[in-house]
Protein backbone atom coordinates (compact mmCIF):
# COMPACT_ATOMS: atom_id res chain seq x y z
CA MET A 1 60.75 27.10 111.30
CA THR A 2 60.55 29.54 113.91
CA THR A 3 64.09 31.25 115.09
CA ARG A 4 63.67 32.01 118.79
CA THR A 5 65.29 34.79 119.79
CA GLN A 6 66.23 37.44 123.06
CA PRO A 7 64.13 39.90 123.48
CA PRO A 8 67.06 43.10 123.42
CA SER A 9 68.05 43.48 126.85
CA PRO A 10 66.35 47.80 127.01
CA ILE A 11 68.42 50.94 127.55
CA THR A 12 69.58 50.95 130.64
CA SER A 13 68.16 52.44 134.00
CA GLN A 14 70.35 55.57 134.55
CA PHE A 15 70.67 56.31 130.73
CA VAL A 16 66.34 56.26 130.46
CA ASN A 17 66.35 59.90 130.55
CA HIS A 18 69.57 60.31 128.53
CA PRO A 19 69.20 63.40 126.33
CA TRP A 20 69.92 60.93 123.20
CA ALA A 21 68.07 57.61 125.05
CA PRO A 22 65.06 58.24 121.79
CA ALA A 23 67.40 58.60 118.97
CA LEU A 24 69.88 55.45 120.37
CA ALA A 25 66.80 53.32 120.76
CA ALA A 26 65.03 54.34 117.69
CA ASP A 27 68.23 53.74 115.55
CA GLY A 28 68.52 50.08 117.26
CA TYR A 29 70.96 50.70 120.48
CA THR A 30 70.20 48.46 123.75
CA ASP A 31 72.47 47.15 126.67
CA ILE A 32 73.45 50.99 126.39
CA CYS A 33 76.12 51.70 129.50
CA GLU A 34 78.74 53.56 130.20
CA ARG A 35 82.48 52.50 130.01
CA GLU A 36 85.65 54.87 130.85
CA GLY A 37 83.59 58.11 130.26
CA GLN A 38 82.79 56.97 127.02
CA LEU A 39 78.39 55.90 125.38
CA CYS A 40 78.34 52.38 124.95
CA GLY A 41 75.56 49.94 123.54
CA ILE A 42 74.89 47.00 121.77
CA ARG A 43 73.96 47.38 117.95
CA ARG A 44 72.37 44.76 114.93
CA PHE A 45 74.17 45.25 111.52
CA ASN A 46 73.70 43.30 108.84
CA PHE A 47 75.98 40.24 109.47
CA THR A 48 76.63 41.11 112.91
CA THR A 49 75.93 41.85 116.01
CA ALA A 50 78.49 44.60 117.70
CA VAL A 51 79.97 46.65 121.20
CA VAL A 52 80.26 49.86 119.63
CA VAL A 53 82.01 52.40 122.10
CA GLY A 54 81.93 55.90 121.66
CA VAL A 55 78.38 56.20 120.98
CA ASP A 56 76.90 59.75 119.51
CA PRO A 57 75.04 62.24 118.25
CA VAL A 58 76.69 61.17 114.54
CA GLY A 59 77.17 57.72 115.08
CA TYR A 60 79.75 56.20 117.48
CA HIS A 61 84.16 55.76 117.45
CA ARG A 62 84.56 52.09 116.76
CA ARG A 63 82.64 48.71 117.08
CA TYR A 64 83.64 45.75 118.10
CA CYS A 65 81.89 43.07 115.26
CA TYR A 66 80.55 39.95 117.16
CA GLU A 67 78.92 36.23 115.83
CA HIS A 68 75.92 36.05 118.17
CA ALA A 69 74.20 38.93 119.84
CA HIS A 70 74.47 37.02 123.32
CA GLU A 71 78.10 37.49 123.32
CA ALA A 72 78.54 41.19 122.26
CA ARG A 73 75.65 41.42 125.63
CA GLN A 74 77.94 39.14 127.87
CA ALA A 75 81.59 40.83 126.72
CA LEU A 76 79.99 44.11 127.03
CA ALA A 77 78.33 43.82 130.52
CA ALA A 78 81.74 42.04 132.03
CA TRP A 79 84.27 44.21 129.79
CA ASP A 80 85.45 47.82 131.70
CA GLY A 81 86.02 49.78 129.23
CA LYS A 82 89.17 48.92 129.49
CA GLY A 83 91.64 47.90 126.22
CA HIS A 84 89.53 45.72 124.00
CA PRO A 85 86.55 43.40 125.40
CA GLY A 86 86.50 39.29 125.78
CA GLY A 87 84.60 37.28 124.46
CA PRO A 88 84.81 36.73 121.03
CA TRP A 89 84.71 39.12 118.76
CA ILE A 90 85.42 39.19 115.42
CA LYS A 91 86.74 42.50 113.80
CA CYS A 92 86.80 45.92 115.85
CA LYS A 93 86.03 48.39 113.14
CA GLY A 94 85.96 52.38 112.77
CA ALA A 95 87.44 55.46 111.66
CA GLY A 96 91.05 54.12 110.63
CA ILE A 97 90.54 50.95 112.72
CA GLU A 98 90.43 47.42 110.96
CA LEU A 99 91.70 45.08 113.42
CA LEU A 100 91.36 41.20 113.48
CA ASN A 101 90.94 40.15 116.88
CA PRO A 102 94.75 38.13 117.59
CA ALA A 103 92.29 35.52 119.67
CA LEU A 104 90.75 33.62 117.14
CA THR A 105 93.68 31.77 114.30
CA CYS A 106 93.25 30.43 111.42
């Protein structure tokens, strides 16, 4: 059985020449952009795809985990960087952060 996946979006044109672009691309980041002065992007993790916020050479500040990559991409594209991104993110994780999406209920 073959699974169709959407190819990752390249690093956006305004960040192609960013000094961290090669390292971010090598680390699996796509859709690199800036929101409210923070470098953000999309990155695949073991079981989720995340909107990653506050990316720097050492790591990131926090990430919003989504079940599906297309939902993460849509959320990042629509997000202005204030509050939490939209869409059905499952959990926000980071240093000292462990937040379940309050909009999701069991």
